[in-house]
Amino acid sequence: MNFRSCTTVTVLLLITLVTGCGKKMPLVPPQKLVPVSINDLQYSLDENGVTLKWSYPVKMENGDPLQAVASFEVYRAAIQEKDFCRECPVQYEEPVEIDGGQLPKPGETRTALYTDGHLQSGYRYHYKVRSRAGWWYPSGDSNIISFVWQVPPQVPRNLQLESGDKTITLRWDPVKTNTAGDPLGQPPVYQVYRKGNGADFVAVGEPVQEQEFVDDGVLNERLYSYRVRALVGSGDSLQAGEASRTVSGTPRDLKPPEQPQHLVAVVIPGGVKLVWQGVSSEDLAGYRIYRRQEGSVQSELLVEVGPDQNQFIDQSSTSGGKWFYSVTAFDGAMEANESIPAREAVIDLR
């Protein structure tokens, strides 16, 4: 059957479908039966190339929901930066087709990823994406992203970590060359990445110019891991290099509770009773009672009591003489912080 015959048969089939029995429905233009255009195409550059990211479309151009995306078409254009003209038309290469798949559940999103590692230094690259719901027409073009690829900077060396109270400080050596050993044309900036609670590494804040970063968005007693990348400007893009080695640390509480006040000691039939003013602190774990005998410099720990107690009776056997008592408050940190001792209370048992 020749092309004209096929066309005639197709037209007759369409007429039959449209003029058949039943309720007449208005014709829907073919361009309305395709997925809506992707509008959130993004990219990131590292030592391996470029990674494109975008969201799956969930509707067709006519507003009906999509059931699935059959495939995506990724278009690329490569132009030497020295020949680039912003007003000139861009000639794209044949697209690369990647599989689509089922759409996310209502209220959720699904992200598609594509990595291109075949890039050359000094070239400007343009990318756009289309989607298909089946054999029918593809969607319209996505938004276009554009960047210049350069030789990546070297990996930051000697990454060091210092844990503090709700903070972690990172320091590293400056990066001065690219992976080819050539000097960088301009000072790099550095992006810090953090991982915690089993999650993936994510960028923390904006890139910094210094070789130091203080992360004050962490919680005490939790383990965090870090990496750093150097980035250099390349036209209107930032070219990232390889990530540094991973370092890990756990910030911890370093602030002790307040000093207990107004410690009083009195002799009672059952021993020596101690009473003090309680400390107001969210992480108070309790109190430690100390005792020393006259002439001794070192106090011995008698007991620890809970945070809701502000008195204690020492029923242990004591000989005559003067006894000095003190009380400290301590918190619930993994390595407990202990306050300054309360002013000693003296009991004379002679």
C-alpha atoms as a PDB file:
ATOM      1  CA  MET A   1       0.000   0.000   0.000  1.00  0.00           C
ATOM      2  CA  ASN A   2       1.471   3.369  -0.955  1.00  0.00           C
ATOM      3  CA  PHE A   3       1.563   6.529   1.156  1.00  0.00           C
ATOM      4  CA  ARG A   4      -1.523   8.065  -0.513  1.00  0.00           C
ATOM      5  CA  SER A   5      -3.554   4.925   0.161  1.00  0.00           C
ATOM      6  CA  CYS A   6      -2.447   4.870   3.824  1.00  0.00           C
ATOM      7  CA  THR A   7      -3.452   8.504   4.202  1.00  0.00           C
ATOM      8  CA  THR A   8      -6.866   7.834   2.670  1.00  0.00           C
ATOM      9  CA  VAL A   9      -7.481   4.894   5.012  1.00  0.00           C
ATOM     10  CA  THR A  10      -6.443   6.968   8.033  1.00  0.00           C
ATOM     11  CA  VAL A  11      -8.798   9.799   7.053  1.00  0.00           C
ATOM     12  CA  LEU A  12     -11.686   7.353   6.556  1.00  0.00           C
ATOM     13  CA  LEU A  13     -11.040   5.811   9.979  1.00  0.00           C
ATOM     14  CA  LEU A  14     -11.076   9.227  11.629  1.00  0.00           C
ATOM     15  CA  ILE A  15     -14.321  10.145   9.814  1.00  0.00           C
ATOM     16  CA  THR A  16     -15.884   6.853  10.931  1.00  0.00           C
ATOM     17  CA  LEU A  17     -14.890   7.488  14.550  1.00  0.00           C
ATOM     18  CA  VAL A  18     -16.239  11.033  14.488  1.00  0.00           C
ATOM     19  CA  THR A  19     -19.494  10.309  12.621  1.00  0.00           C
ATOM     20  CA  GLY A  20     -20.317   7.001  14.321  1.00  0.00           C
ATOM     21  CA  CYS A  21     -23.324   6.414  16.502  1.00  0.00           C
ATOM     22  CA  GLY A  22     -23.582   7.948  19.948  1.00  0.00           C
ATOM     23  CA  LYS A  23     -23.132  11.436  21.313  1.00  0.00           C
ATOM     24  CA  LYS A  24     -21.074  13.705  19.122  1.00  0.00           C
ATOM     25  CA  MET A  25     -17.987  15.056  20.926  1.00  0.00           C
ATOM     26  CA  PRO A  26     -15.963  18.074  19.802  1.00  0.00           C
ATOM     27  CA  LEU A  27     -12.662  17.316  18.160  1.00  0.00           C
ATOM     28  CA  VAL A  28      -9.612  17.849  20.366  1.00  0.00           C
ATOM     29  CA  PRO A  29      -6.590  19.278  18.532  1.00  0.00           C
ATOM     30  CA  PRO A  30      -3.667  16.811  18.650  1.00  0.00           C
ATOM     31  CA  GLN A  31      -1.424  19.356  20.342  1.00  0.00           C
ATOM     32  CA  LYS A  32      -3.802  19.331  23.345  1.00  0.00           C
ATOM     33  CA  LEU A  33      -3.330  15.571  23.883  1.00  0.00           C
ATOM     34  CA  VAL A  34       0.312  15.862  24.931  1.00  0.00           C
ATOM     35  CA  PRO A  35       1.922  16.502  28.351  1.00  0.00           C
ATOM     36  CA  VAL A  36       2.305  20.081  29.482  1.00  0.00           C
ATOM     37  CA  SER A  37       5.770  21.486  28.914  1.00  0.00           C
ATOM     38  CA  ILE A  38       8.370  20.992  31.636  1.00  0.00           C
ATOM     39  CA  ASN A  39       9.184  24.344  33.265  1.00  0.00           C
ATOM     40  CA  ASP A  40      11.618  23.498  36.074  1.00  0.00           C
ATOM     41  CA  LEU A  41      14.650  22.100  34.225  1.00  0.00           C
ATOM     42  CA  GLN A  42      17.745  22.656  36.422  1.00  0.00           C
ATOM     43  CA  TYR A  43      21.402  21.641  36.278  1.00  0.00           C
ATOM     44  CA  SER A  44      24.449  21.140  38.483  1.00  0.00           C
ATOM     45  CA  LEU A  45      28.094  20.820  37.439  1.00  0.00           C
ATOM     46  CA  ASP A  46      30.745  18.626  39.025  1.00  0.00           C
ATOM     47  CA  GLU A  47      33.924  16.847  38.036  1.00  0.00           C
ATOM     48  CA  ASN A  48      31.931  14.215  36.112  1.00  0.00           C
ATOM     49  CA  GLY A  49      29.938  16.579  33.896  1.00  0.00           C
ATOM     50  CA  VAL A  50      26.440  18.008  34.145  1.00  0.00           C
ATOM     51  CA  THR A  51      23.381  16.533  35.846  1.00  0.00           C
ATOM     52  CA  LEU A  52      19.966  17.683  34.637  1.00  0.00           C
ATOM     53  CA  LYS A  53      16.941  17.507  36.906  1.00  0.00           C
ATOM     54  CA  TRP A  54      13.255  18.150  36.272  1.00  0.00           C
ATOM     55  CA  SER A  55       9.819  17.170  37.550  1.00  0.00           C
ATOM     56  CA  TYR A  56       7.498  14.732  35.827  1.00  0.00           C
ATOM     57  CA  PRO A  57       4.488  16.465  34.212  1.00  0.00           C
ATOM     58  CA  VAL A  58       1.160  15.321  35.651  1.00  0.00           C
ATOM     59  CA  LYS A  59      -1.343  16.846  33.193  1.00  0.00           C
ATOM     60  CA  MET A  60      -1.972  17.133  29.476  1.00  0.00           C
ATOM     61  CA  GLU A  61      -2.334  20.407  27.629  1.00  0.00           C
ATOM     62  CA  ASN A  62      -6.131  20.039  27.676  1.00  0.00           C
ATOM     63  CA  GLY A  63      -6.083  19.786  31.486  1.00  0.00           C
ATOM     64  CA  ASP A  64      -6.733  16.049  31.756  1.00  0.00           C
ATOM     65  CA  PRO A  65      -4.464  14.084  34.125  1.00  0.00           C
ATOM     66  CA  LEU A  66      -1.642  12.013  32.690  1.00  0.00           C
ATOM     67  CA  GLN A  67      -1.415   8.323  33.539  1.00  0.00           C
ATOM     68  CA  ALA A  68       2.267   7.859  32.716  1.00  0.00           C
ATOM     69  CA  VAL A  69       5.183   9.340  30.818  1.00  0.00           C
ATOM     70  CA  ALA A  70       6.468   6.971  28.150  1.00  0.00           C
ATOM     71  CA  SER A  71       9.794   8.731  27.606  1.00  0.00           C
ATOM     72  CA  PHE A  72      11.756  11.966  27.741  1.00  0.00           C
ATOM     73  CA  GLU A  73      13.806  13.509  24.945  1.00  0.00           C
ATOM     74  CA  VAL A  74      16.920  15.422  26.002  1.00  0.00           C
ATOM     75  CA  TYR A  75      18.229  17.921  23.447  1.00  0.00           C
ATOM     76  CA  ARG A  76      21.770  19.306  23.551  1.00  0.00           C
ATOM     77  CA  ALA A  77      23.661  21.979  21.642  1.00  0.00           C
ATOM     78  CA  ALA A  78      27.424  22.560  21.973  1.00  0.00           C
ATOM     79  CA  ILE A  79      28.994  25.843  20.816  1.00  0.00           C
ATOM     80  CA  GLN A  80      32.520  27.082  21.406  1.00  0.00           C
ATOM     81  CA  GLU A  81      32.258  29.969  23.829  1.00  0.00           C
ATOM     82  CA  LYS A  82      34.324  32.216  21.563  1.00  0.00           C
ATOM     83  CA  ASP A  83      31.758  31.678  18.772  1.00  0.00           C
ATOM     84  CA  PHE A  84      28.674  32.033  20.940  1.00  0.00           C
ATOM     85  CA  CYS A  85      26.094  34.620  19.867  1.00  0.00           C
ATOM     86  CA  ARG A  86      23.093  35.241  22.101  1.00  0.00           C
ATOM     87  CA  GLU A  87      20.905  36.460  19.249  1.00  0.00           C
ATOM     88  CA  CYS A  88      21.797  33.585  16.898  1.00  0.00           C
ATOM     89  CA  PRO A  89      19.570  30.488  16.551  1.00  0.00           C
ATOM     90  CA  VAL A  90      20.790  27.385  18.381  1.00  0.00           C
ATOM     91  CA  GLN A  91      21.241  24.150  16.428  1.00  0.00           C
ATOM     92  CA  TYR A  92      20.457  21.149  18.657  1.00  0.00           C
ATOM     93  CA  GLU A  93      21.800  17.640  18.155  1.00  0.00           C
ATOM     94  CA  GLU A  94      19.579  14.585  17.765  1.00  0.00           C
ATOM     95  CA  PRO A  95      17.849  14.007  21.126  1.00  0.00           C
ATOM     96  CA  VAL A  96      18.744  11.306  23.600  1.00  0.00           C
ATOM     97  CA  GLU A  97      15.677   9.304  24.656  1.00  0.00           C
ATOM     98  CA  ILE A  98      15.353   8.072  28.220  1.00  0.00           C
ATOM     99  CA  ASP A  99      12.584   6.023  29.795  1.00  0.00           C
ATOM    100  CA  GLY A 100       9.750   7.698  31.634  1.00  0.00           C
ATOM    101  CA  GLY A 101       7.510   5.764  33.986  1.00  0.00           C
ATOM    102  CA  GLN A 102       4.542   5.992  36.312  1.00  0.00           C
ATOM    103  CA  LEU A 103       3.542   9.344  37.713  1.00  0.00           C
ATOM    104  CA  PRO A 104       3.692  10.162  41.417  1.00  0.00           C
ATOM    105  CA  LYS A 105       0.668   9.850  43.667  1.00  0.00           C
ATOM    106  CA  PRO A 106      -1.532  12.949  44.062  1.00  0.00           C
ATOM    107  CA  GLY A 107       0.213  15.546  46.175  1.00  0.00           C
ATOM    108  CA  GLU A 108       3.649  14.033  45.529  1.00  0.00           C
ATOM    109  CA  THR A 109       6.338  14.770  42.938  1.00  0.00           C
ATOM    110  CA  ARG A 110       8.730  12.605  40.951  1.00  0.00           C
ATOM    111  CA  THR A 111      12.058  13.870  39.666  1.00  0.00           C
ATOM    112  CA  ALA A 112      13.902  12.760  36.532  1.00  0.00           C
ATOM    113  CA  LEU A 113      17.705  12.864  36.316  1.00  0.00           C
ATOM    114  CA  TYR A 114      20.088  12.750  33.359  1.00  0.00           C
ATOM    115  CA  THR A 115      23.892  13.004  33.514  1.00  0.00           C
ATOM    116  CA  ASP A 116      26.046  13.971  30.527  1.00  0.00           C
ATOM    117  CA  GLY A 117      29.773  13.412  31.005  1.00  0.00           C
ATOM    118  CA  HIS A 118      30.850  14.059  27.401  1.00  0.00           C
ATOM    119  CA  LEU A 119      31.721  17.743  27.763  1.00  0.00           C
ATOM    120  CA  GLN A 120      34.652  19.759  26.432  1.00  0.00           C
ATOM    121  CA  SER A 121      36.386  22.680  28.083  1.00  0.00           C
ATOM    122  CA  GLY A 122      35.604  26.083  26.585  1.00  0.00           C
ATOM    123  CA  TYR A 123      32.238  25.044  25.112  1.00  0.00           C
ATOM    124  CA  ARG A 124      28.856  26.512  25.955  1.00  0.00           C
ATOM    125  CA  TYR A 125      26.112  23.921  26.262  1.00  0.00           C
ATOM    126  CA  HIS A 126      22.361  24.356  25.899  1.00  0.00           C
ATOM    127  CA  TYR A 127      19.822  21.765  27.043  1.00  0.00           C
ATOM    128  CA  LYS A 128      16.066  21.399  26.779  1.00  0.00           C
ATOM    129  CA  VAL A 129      13.702  18.492  27.446  1.00  0.00           C
ATOM    130  CA  ARG A 130      10.454  17.194  25.990  1.00  0.00           C
ATOM    131  CA  SER A 131       8.182  14.398  27.222  1.00  0.00           C
ATOM    132  CA  ARG A 132       5.936  11.891  25.498  1.00  0.00           C
ATOM    133  CA  ALA A 133       2.815  10.186  26.844  1.00  0.00           C
ATOM    134  CA  GLY A 134       2.851   7.616  24.021  1.00  0.00           C
ATOM    135  CA  TRP A 135       3.499   7.445  20.294  1.00  0.00           C
ATOM    136  CA  TRP A 136       1.601  10.739  19.865  1.00  0.00           C
ATOM    137  CA  TYR A 137       3.233  14.141  19.545  1.00  0.00           C
ATOM    138  CA  PRO A 138       5.861  15.161  22.136  1.00  0.00           C
ATOM    139  CA  SER A 139       5.271  18.028  24.509  1.00  0.00           C
ATOM    140  CA  GLY A 140       6.550  21.501  23.855  1.00  0.00           C
ATOM    141  CA  ASP A 141      10.080  22.522  24.811  1.00  0.00           C
ATOM    142  CA  SER A 142      11.016  22.915  28.443  1.00  0.00           C
ATOM    143  CA  ASN A 143      12.804  25.970  29.721  1.00  0.00           C
ATOM    144  CA  ILE A 144      16.356  26.096  28.355  1.00  0.00           C
ATOM    145  CA  ILE A 145      19.451  25.948  30.557  1.00  0.00           C
ATOM    146  CA  SER A 146      22.884  27.099  29.381  1.00  0.00           C
ATOM    147  CA  PHE A 147      26.391  26.996  30.856  1.00  0.00           C
ATOM    148  CA  VAL A 148      30.085  26.977  29.969  1.00  0.00           C
ATOM    149  CA  TRP A 149      32.161  23.901  30.809  1.00  0.00           C
ATOM    150  CA  GLN A 150      35.733  24.362  32.058  1.00  0.00           C
ATOM    151  CA  VAL A 151      38.378  22.100  33.590  1.00  0.00           C
ATOM    152  CA  PRO A 152      37.199  21.536  37.190  1.00  0.00           C
ATOM    153  CA  PRO A 153      39.187  22.900  40.164  1.00  0.00           C
ATOM    154  CA  GLN A 154      41.195  20.583  42.379  1.00  0.00           C
ATOM    155  CA  VAL A 155      39.669  18.888  45.411  1.00  0.00           C
ATOM    156  CA  PRO A 156      39.968  20.822  48.712  1.00  0.00           C
ATOM    157  CA  ARG A 157      42.635  19.192  50.886  1.00  0.00           C
ATOM    158  CA  ASN A 158      43.173  18.787  54.621  1.00  0.00           C
ATOM    159  CA  LEU A 159      39.547  19.217  55.653  1.00  0.00           C
ATOM    160  CA  GLN A 160      39.379  19.555  59.451  1.00  0.00           C
ATOM    161  CA  LEU A 161      36.373  19.532  61.775  1.00  0.00           C
ATOM    162  CA  GLU A 162      35.907  21.011  65.241  1.00  0.00           C
ATOM    163  CA  SER A 163      32.762  20.245  67.250  1.00  0.00           C
ATOM    164  CA  GLY A 164      31.261  22.860  69.548  1.00  0.00           C
ATOM    165  CA  ASP A 165      28.032  23.572  71.377  1.00  0.00           C
ATOM    166  CA  LYS A 166      25.316  23.407  68.676  1.00  0.00           C
ATOM    167  CA  THR A 167      28.014  24.294  66.121  1.00  0.00           C
ATOM    168  CA  ILE A 168      30.528  22.539  63.886  1.00  0.00           C
ATOM    169  CA  THR A 169      33.449  24.447  62.382  1.00  0.00           C
ATOM    170  CA  LEU A 170      35.174  23.292  59.179  1.00  0.00           C
ATOM    171  CA  ARG A 171      38.552  24.434  57.833  1.00  0.00           C
ATOM    172  CA  TRP A 172      40.488  23.404  54.703  1.00  0.00           C
ATOM    173  CA  ASP A 173      43.436  24.401  52.533  1.00  0.00           C
ATOM    174  CA  PRO A 174      42.866  26.859  49.654  1.00  0.00           C
ATOM    175  CA  VAL A 175      42.488  25.484  46.109  1.00  0.00           C
ATOM    176  CA  LYS A 176      44.763  27.230  43.594  1.00  0.00           C
ATOM    177  CA  THR A 177      44.841  24.947  40.516  1.00  0.00           C
ATOM    178  CA  ASN A 178      42.488  22.914  38.330  1.00  0.00           C
ATOM    179  CA  THR A 179      42.679  19.179  37.719  1.00  0.00           C
ATOM    180  CA  ALA A 180      45.034  19.781  34.775  1.00  0.00           C
ATOM    181  CA  GLY A 181      47.480  21.511  37.123  1.00  0.00           C
ATOM    182  CA  ASP A 182      46.919  24.986  35.665  1.00  0.00           C
ATOM    183  CA  PRO A 183      46.410  28.011  37.934  1.00  0.00           C
ATOM    184  CA  LEU A 184      42.808  29.082  38.409  1.00  0.00           C
ATOM    185  CA  GLY A 185      41.924  32.272  36.605  1.00  0.00           C
ATOM    186  CA  GLN A 186      40.148  33.626  39.682  1.00  0.00           C
ATOM    187  CA  PRO A 187      39.822  32.699  43.362  1.00  0.00           C
ATOM    188  CA  PRO A 188      37.313  29.902  43.890  1.00  0.00           C
ATOM    189  CA  VAL A 189      34.361  29.792  46.234  1.00  0.00           C
ATOM    190  CA  TYR A 190      33.520  26.744  48.329  1.00  0.00           C
ATOM    191  CA  GLN A 191      30.285  24.847  48.822  1.00  0.00           C
ATOM    192  CA  VAL A 192      29.808  22.839  52.019  1.00  0.00           C
ATOM    193  CA  TYR A 193      27.658  19.686  51.987  1.00  0.00           C
ATOM    194  CA  ARG A 194      26.214  18.041  55.096  1.00  0.00           C
ATOM    195  CA  LYS A 195      24.675  14.647  55.846  1.00  0.00           C
ATOM    196  CA  GLY A 196      22.854  13.750  59.037  1.00  0.00           C
ATOM    197  CA  ASN A 197      20.471  11.080  60.316  1.00  0.00           C
ATOM    198  CA  GLY A 198      21.229   8.753  57.418  1.00  0.00           C
ATOM    199  CA  ALA A 199      20.135  11.246  54.746  1.00  0.00           C
ATOM    200  CA  ASP A 200      22.064  12.146  51.593  1.00  0.00           C
ATOM    201  CA  PHE A 201      24.570  14.979  51.371  1.00  0.00           C
ATOM    202  CA  VAL A 202      22.888  18.339  50.740  1.00  0.00           C
ATOM    203  CA  ALA A 203      24.336  21.811  50.233  1.00  0.00           C
ATOM    204  CA  VAL A 204      24.436  23.950  53.383  1.00  0.00           C
ATOM    205  CA  GLY A 205      23.905  27.649  52.762  1.00  0.00           C
ATOM    206  CA  GLU A 206      25.531  29.559  49.919  1.00  0.00           C
ATOM    207  CA  PRO A 207      29.128  29.150  48.665  1.00  0.00           C
ATOM    208  CA  VAL A 208      31.717  30.992  50.790  1.00  0.00           C
ATOM    209  CA  GLN A 209      34.982  32.654  49.819  1.00  0.00           C
ATOM    210  CA  GLU A 210      36.843  31.782  53.024  1.00  0.00           C
ATOM    211  CA  GLN A 211      38.432  28.428  53.822  1.00  0.00           C
ATOM    212  CA  GLU A 212      36.284  28.198  56.947  1.00  0.00           C
ATOM    213  CA  PHE A 213      32.629  27.483  57.560  1.00  0.00           C
ATOM    214  CA  VAL A 214      30.667  27.517  60.826  1.00  0.00           C
ATOM    215  CA  ASP A 215      27.524  25.399  60.769  1.00  0.00           C
ATOM    216  CA  ASP A 216      25.180  26.597  63.501  1.00  0.00           C
ATOM    217  CA  GLY A 217      22.179  24.688  62.185  1.00  0.00           C
ATOM    218  CA  VAL A 218      22.991  21.450  64.019  1.00  0.00           C
ATOM    219  CA  LEU A 219      21.718  19.764  67.157  1.00  0.00           C
ATOM    220  CA  ASN A 220      23.817  18.501  70.029  1.00  0.00           C
ATOM    221  CA  GLU A 221      24.548  14.788  70.429  1.00  0.00           C
ATOM    222  CA  ARG A 222      23.847  14.021  66.741  1.00  0.00           C
ATOM    223  CA  LEU A 223      26.415  12.770  64.242  1.00  0.00           C
ATOM    224  CA  TYR A 224      26.989  14.897  61.119  1.00  0.00           C
ATOM    225  CA  SER A 225      29.223  14.286  58.097  1.00  0.00           C
ATOM    226  CA  TYR A 226      30.644  16.935  55.746  1.00  0.00           C
ATOM    227  CA  ARG A 227      32.275  17.384  52.346  1.00  0.00           C
ATOM    228  CA  VAL A 228      33.482  20.512  50.546  1.00  0.00           C
ATOM    229  CA  ARG A 229      33.779  21.346  46.842  1.00  0.00           C
ATOM    230  CA  ALA A 230      35.647  24.202  45.185  1.00  0.00           C
ATOM    231  CA  LEU A 231      33.757  26.137  42.493  1.00  0.00           C
ATOM    232  CA  VAL A 232      35.112  28.587  39.919  1.00  0.00           C
ATOM    233  CA  GLY A 233      33.179  31.059  37.814  1.00  0.00           C
ATOM    234  CA  SER A 234      32.907  30.228  34.127  1.00  0.00           C
ATOM    235  CA  GLY A 235      30.895  32.819  32.252  1.00  0.00           C
ATOM    236  CA  ASP A 236      27.533  32.866  34.002  1.00  0.00           C
ATOM    237  CA  SER A 237      28.073  29.421  35.549  1.00  0.00           C
ATOM    238  CA  LEU A 238      29.885  27.912  38.531  1.00  0.00           C
ATOM    239  CA  GLN A 239      32.089  24.921  37.729  1.00  0.00           C
ATOM    240  CA  ALA A 240      32.358  22.501  40.667  1.00  0.00           C
ATOM    241  CA  GLY A 241      35.289  20.200  41.312  1.00  0.00           C
ATOM    242  CA  GLU A 242      35.554  16.891  43.103  1.00  0.00           C
ATOM    243  CA  ALA A 243      34.268  16.667  46.658  1.00  0.00           C
ATOM    244  CA  SER A 244      36.769  16.492  49.494  1.00  0.00           C
ATOM    245  CA  ARG A 245      37.153  13.544  51.830  1.00  0.00           C
ATOM    246  CA  THR A 246      34.359  13.115  54.355  1.00  0.00           C
ATOM    247  CA  VAL A 247      34.795  14.228  57.953  1.00  0.00           C
ATOM    248  CA  SER A 248      32.323  13.605  60.766  1.00  0.00           C
ATOM    249  CA  GLY A 249      31.657  15.054  64.187  1.00  0.00           C
ATOM    250  CA  THR A 250      29.077  15.353  66.938  1.00  0.00           C
ATOM    251  CA  PRO A 251      28.324  18.726  68.519  1.00  0.00           C
ATOM    252  CA  ARG A 252      27.744  18.518  72.243  1.00  0.00           C
ATOM    253  CA  ASP A 253      26.458  20.626  75.064  1.00  0.00           C
ATOM    254  CA  LEU A 254      29.334  22.526  76.673  1.00  0.00           C
ATOM    255  CA  LYS A 255      27.349  24.861  78.902  1.00  0.00           C
ATOM    256  CA  PRO A 256      26.964  23.747  82.538  1.00  0.00           C
ATOM    257  CA  PRO A 257      23.880  24.551  84.611  1.00  0.00           C
ATOM    258  CA  GLU A 258      23.890  27.500  86.971  1.00  0.00           C
ATOM    259  CA  GLN A 259      25.566  27.283  90.362  1.00  0.00           C
ATOM    260  CA  PRO A 260      23.262  26.094  93.162  1.00  0.00           C
ATOM    261  CA  GLN A 261      22.731  28.803  95.791  1.00  0.00           C
ATOM    262  CA  HIS A 262      22.051  29.117  99.522  1.00  0.00           C
ATOM    263  CA  LEU A 263      23.284  25.698 100.679  1.00  0.00           C
ATOM    264  CA  VAL A 264      22.448  25.131 104.359  1.00  0.00           C
ATOM    265  CA  ALA A 265      23.556  22.204 106.587  1.00  0.00           C
ATOM    266  CA  VAL A 266      21.933  21.364 109.949  1.00  0.00           C
ATOM    267  CA  VAL A 267      22.384  18.478 112.378  1.00  0.00           C
ATOM    268  CA  ILE A 268      19.275  16.365 112.900  1.00  0.00           C
ATOM    269  CA  PRO A 269      18.764  13.074 114.787  1.00  0.00           C
ATOM    270  CA  GLY A 270      19.153  11.088 111.578  1.00  0.00           C
ATOM    271  CA  GLY A 271      22.363  12.758 110.438  1.00  0.00           C
ATOM    272  CA  VAL A 272      23.160  15.979 108.615  1.00  0.00           C
ATOM    273  CA  LYS A 273      20.433  17.563 106.546  1.00  0.00           C
ATOM    274  CA  LEU A 274      21.366  19.643 103.489  1.00  0.00           C
ATOM    275  CA  VAL A 275      18.973  22.064 101.785  1.00  0.00           C
ATOM    276  CA  TRP A 276      19.717  24.318  98.789  1.00  0.00           C
ATOM    277  CA  GLN A 277      17.954  26.492  96.250  1.00  0.00           C
ATOM    278  CA  GLY A 278      17.091  24.526  93.105  1.00  0.00           C
ATOM    279  CA  VAL A 279      18.452  25.441  89.667  1.00  0.00           C
ATOM    280  CA  SER A 280      16.182  26.344  86.758  1.00  0.00           C
ATOM    281  CA  SER A 281      17.515  24.658  83.596  1.00  0.00           C
ATOM    282  CA  GLU A 282      15.792  22.771  80.765  1.00  0.00           C
ATOM    283  CA  ASP A 283      18.457  20.072  80.611  1.00  0.00           C
ATOM    284  CA  LEU A 284      19.086  19.735  84.353  1.00  0.00           C
ATOM    285  CA  ALA A 285      19.772  16.069  85.177  1.00  0.00           C
ATOM    286  CA  GLY A 286      20.353  16.333  88.912  1.00  0.00           C
ATOM    287  CA  TYR A 287      22.663  17.363  91.747  1.00  0.00           C
ATOM    288  CA  ARG A 288      25.878  15.962  93.167  1.00  0.00           C
ATOM    289  CA  ILE A 289      26.587  16.231  96.909  1.00  0.00           C
ATOM    290  CA  TYR A 290      30.208  16.384  98.056  1.00  0.00           C
ATOM    291  CA  ARG A 291      31.785  16.246 101.506  1.00  0.00           C
ATOM    292  CA  ARG A 292      35.260  16.815 102.923  1.00  0.00           C
ATOM    293  CA  GLN A 293      36.735  16.798 106.401  1.00  0.00           C
ATOM    294  CA  GLU A 294      38.651  19.665 107.924  1.00  0.00           C
ATOM    295  CA  GLY A 295      42.253  19.566 106.786  1.00  0.00           C
ATOM    296  CA  SER A 296      41.432  17.746 103.544  1.00  0.00           C
ATOM    297  CA  VAL A 297      41.601  19.556 100.226  1.00  0.00           C
ATOM    298  CA  GLN A 298      39.786  16.963  98.115  1.00  0.00           C
ATOM    299  CA  SER A 299      36.016  16.483  98.472  1.00  0.00           C
ATOM    300  CA  GLU A 300      34.453  13.054  98.034  1.00  0.00           C
ATOM    301  CA  LEU A 301      31.267  12.473  96.060  1.00  0.00           C
ATOM    302  CA  LEU A 302      28.561  11.213  98.384  1.00  0.00           C
ATOM    303  CA  VAL A 303      25.581  10.815  96.066  1.00  0.00           C
ATOM    304  CA  GLU A 304      23.699  12.061  93.024  1.00  0.00           C
ATOM    305  CA  VAL A 305      20.047  13.048  93.383  1.00  0.00           C
ATOM    306  CA  GLY A 306      17.389  13.866  90.811  1.00  0.00           C
ATOM    307  CA  PRO A 307      16.570  17.296  89.372  1.00  0.00           C
ATOM    308  CA  ASP A 308      13.360  17.574  91.419  1.00  0.00           C
ATOM    309  CA  GLN A 309      15.194  17.297  94.749  1.00  0.00           C
ATOM    310  CA  ASN A 310      16.753  20.169  96.678  1.00  0.00           C
ATOM    311  CA  GLN A 311      17.608  18.418  99.930  1.00  0.00           C
ATOM    312  CA  PHE A 312      19.508  15.399 101.190  1.00  0.00           C
ATOM    313  CA  ILE A 313      20.199  13.743 104.570  1.00  0.00           C
ATOM    314  CA  ASP A 314      23.703  12.425 105.107  1.00  0.00           C
ATOM    315  CA  GLN A 315      23.209   9.365 107.324  1.00  0.00           C
ATOM    316  CA  SER A 316      26.700   8.003 106.925  1.00  0.00           C
ATOM    317  CA  SER A 317      28.889   7.645 109.953  1.00  0.00           C
ATOM    318  CA  THR A 318      30.977  10.731 110.657  1.00  0.00           C
ATOM    319  CA  SER A 319      33.471  11.282 113.409  1.00  0.00           C
ATOM    320  CA  GLY A 320      33.871  14.496 115.299  1.00  0.00           C
ATOM    321  CA  GLY A 321      35.363  17.612 113.829  1.00  0.00           C
ATOM    322  CA  LYS A 322      34.330  19.994 111.132  1.00  0.00           C
ATOM    323  CA  TRP A 323      32.734  18.755 107.907  1.00  0.00           C
ATOM    324  CA  PHE A 324      32.349  20.798 104.735  1.00  0.00           C
ATOM    325  CA  TYR A 325      29.512  20.095 102.301  1.00  0.00           C
ATOM    326  CA  SER A 326      28.998  21.376  98.758  1.00  0.00           C
ATOM    327  CA  VAL A 327      26.479  20.798  95.938  1.00  0.00           C
ATOM    328  CA  THR A 328      26.798  21.038  92.150  1.00  0.00           C
ATOM    329  CA  ALA A 329      24.214  20.827  89.376  1.00  0.00           C
ATOM    330  CA  PHE A 330      24.837  18.692  86.254  1.00  0.00           C
ATOM    331  CA  ASP A 331      23.028  18.372  82.943  1.00  0.00           C
ATOM    332  CA  GLY A 332      21.960  15.508  80.671  1.00  0.00           C
ATOM    333  CA  ALA A 333      24.715  15.848  78.066  1.00  0.00           C
ATOM    334  CA  MET A 334      26.486  12.665  76.948  1.00  0.00           C
ATOM    335  CA  GLU A 335      29.476  13.942  78.878  1.00  0.00           C
ATOM    336  CA  ALA A 336      27.680  15.770  81.666  1.00  0.00           C
ATOM    337  CA  ASN A 337      28.534  19.399  82.300  1.00  0.00           C
ATOM    338  CA  GLU A 338      28.862  20.205  85.991  1.00  0.00           C
ATOM    339  CA  SER A 339      28.300  23.606  87.553  1.00  0.00           C
ATOM    340  CA  ILE A 340      30.522  25.499  89.947  1.00  0.00           C
ATOM    341  CA  PRO A 341      30.001  24.115  93.480  1.00  0.00           C
ATOM    342  CA  ALA A 342      27.715  25.990  95.812  1.00  0.00           C
ATOM    343  CA  ARG A 343      29.424  27.835  98.632  1.00  0.00           C
ATOM    344  CA  GLU A 344      30.350  25.214 101.216  1.00  0.00           C
ATOM    345  CA  ALA A 345      28.223  24.669 104.299  1.00  0.00           C
ATOM    346  CA  VAL A 346      30.116  23.791 107.508  1.00  0.00           C
ATOM    347  CA  ILE A 347      29.023  21.441 110.305  1.00  0.00           C
ATOM    348  CA  ASP A 348      31.035  21.207 113.552  1.00  0.00           C
ATOM    349  CA  LEU A 349      30.488  17.814 115.204  1.00  0.00           C
ATOM    350  CA  ARG A 350      33.015  18.203 118.033  1.00  0.00           C
END
